[in-house]
Amino acid sequence: MKNISKLFKDCFEHLGQQALYESKDKSYMVQVLKQEPDKLYEIGEGQFVGEMLFLEVSIFDILRPIVGDIFVIGDCKYKIHTPPLRDKSGMIWRIEASGV
């Protein structure tokens, strides 16, 4: 388990971005992995691409993220809109967010 923890730490250090995490009663800097896959939606005859944002954050950086918490990455703000889930390792929060 120690090796997995080291692997995640190295991954966030080299591939992650700094983000300001804002919760109801506190705010502080965390390392996040950011993924922005496009999702194609169809309405009748038309199609549009919806923006989704997935953030991965170590459970050691954020104890319990909740819906409504904010991440500020660069000039953009993202709000958590679904309850965060842990990944299979139990060491990473997988968070869905959208721009505000």
Protein backbone atom coordinates (compact mmCIF):
# COMPACT_ATOMS: atom_id res chain seq x y z
CA MET A 1 0.00 0.00 0.00
CA LYS A 2 2.94 2.31 0.69
CA ASN A 3 4.09 1.96 -2.94
CA ILE A 4 0.62 2.86 -4.24
CA SER A 5 0.56 5.94 -2.03
CA LYS A 6 3.97 7.00 -3.40
CA LEU A 7 2.78 6.39 -6.97
CA PHE A 8 -0.27 8.64 -6.48
CA LYS A 9 1.85 11.33 -4.85
CA ASP A 10 4.30 11.31 -7.79
CA CYS A 11 1.43 11.37 -10.30
CA PHE A 12 -0.19 14.43 -8.70
CA GLU A 13 3.19 16.16 -8.35
CA HIS A 14 4.16 15.75 -12.01
CA LEU A 15 0.80 15.79 -13.82
CA GLY A 16 -1.42 17.78 -11.47
CA GLN A 17 -2.38 21.42 -11.28
CA GLN A 18 -2.69 23.74 -8.31
CA ALA A 19 -6.28 24.59 -7.41
CA LEU A 20 -7.84 26.64 -4.66
CA TYR A 21 -10.40 24.50 -2.84
CA GLU A 22 -13.21 26.51 -1.25
CA SER A 23 -15.54 24.79 1.20
CA LYS A 24 -18.18 26.34 3.45
CA ASP A 25 -15.77 27.21 6.27
CA LYS A 26 -12.27 26.98 4.76
CA SER A 27 -10.16 27.39 1.64
CA TYR A 28 -6.69 26.11 0.79
CA MET A 29 -4.51 25.02 -2.14
CA VAL A 30 -4.60 21.41 -3.37
CA GLN A 31 -3.12 19.43 -6.28
CA VAL A 32 -5.72 18.13 -8.76
CA LEU A 33 -5.73 16.02 -11.89
CA LYS A 34 -8.14 17.60 -14.37
CA GLN A 35 -9.94 15.80 -17.20
CA GLU A 36 -12.31 17.53 -19.63
CA PRO A 37 -13.92 14.97 -21.95
CA ASP A 38 -16.53 16.26 -24.39
CA LYS A 39 -19.93 14.58 -24.39
CA LEU A 40 -22.19 14.75 -27.44
CA TYR A 41 -25.88 15.41 -26.71
CA GLU A 42 -28.73 15.15 -29.20
CA ILE A 43 -31.98 17.08 -28.96
CA GLY A 44 -34.38 16.32 -31.79
CA GLU A 45 -32.52 17.03 -35.01
CA GLY A 46 -29.73 19.00 -33.36
CA GLN A 47 -26.56 18.03 -31.56
CA PHE A 48 -24.38 19.91 -29.15
CA VAL A 49 -21.26 19.21 -27.14
CA GLY A 50 -21.60 19.49 -23.39
CA GLU A 51 -18.61 20.30 -21.25
CA MET A 52 -17.88 17.99 -18.34
CA LEU A 53 -15.09 18.34 -15.84
CA PHE A 54 -13.70 15.52 -13.74
CA LEU A 55 -11.25 16.29 -10.97
CA GLU A 56 -9.20 13.74 -9.08
CA VAL A 57 -7.97 14.79 -5.65
CA SER A 58 -6.11 12.86 -2.97
CA ILE A 59 -8.16 11.96 0.12
CA PHE A 60 -5.19 13.25 2.11
CA ASP A 61 -5.72 16.76 0.65
CA ILE A 62 -9.51 16.91 1.08
CA LEU A 63 -11.15 14.89 3.80
CA ARG A 64 -14.78 15.10 2.62
CA PRO A 65 -15.69 17.21 -0.42
CA ILE A 66 -19.41 17.95 -0.81
CA VAL A 67 -21.82 19.20 -3.46
CA GLY A 68 -21.52 22.97 -3.73
CA ASP A 69 -17.81 23.19 -2.88
CA ILE A 70 -15.73 25.21 -5.36
CA PHE A 71 -12.39 24.65 -7.10
CA VAL A 72 -10.61 27.64 -8.63
CA ILE A 73 -8.13 26.65 -11.35
CA GLY A 74 -6.46 29.58 -13.04
CA ASP A 75 -9.21 32.09 -13.88
CA CYS A 76 -12.00 29.47 -13.86
CA LYS A 77 -14.31 28.42 -11.03
CA TYR A 78 -15.88 24.96 -10.89
CA LYS A 79 -18.63 23.83 -8.54
CA ILE A 80 -19.11 20.20 -7.44
CA HIS A 81 -22.54 19.15 -8.71
CA THR A 82 -22.76 15.43 -7.82
CA PRO A 83 -21.66 13.64 -4.64
CA PRO A 84 -17.92 12.82 -4.95
CA LEU A 85 -16.95 9.15 -5.01
CA ARG A 86 -13.69 7.42 -4.15
CA ASP A 87 -11.89 5.43 -6.83
CA LYS A 88 -11.18 1.69 -6.51
CA SER A 89 -8.02 2.31 -4.49
CA GLY A 90 -9.97 4.36 -1.94
CA MET A 91 -7.23 7.01 -2.00
CA ILE A 92 -8.56 9.38 -4.66
CA TRP A 93 -11.76 11.42 -4.82
CA ARG A 94 -13.35 11.44 -8.29
CA ILE A 95 -15.32 14.66 -8.55
CA GLU A 96 -17.73 15.89 -11.24
CA ALA A 97 -17.87 19.65 -11.51
CA SER A 98 -19.17 22.34 -13.83
CA GLY A 99 -18.15 25.92 -14.53
CA VAL A 100 -19.74 28.77 -12.57
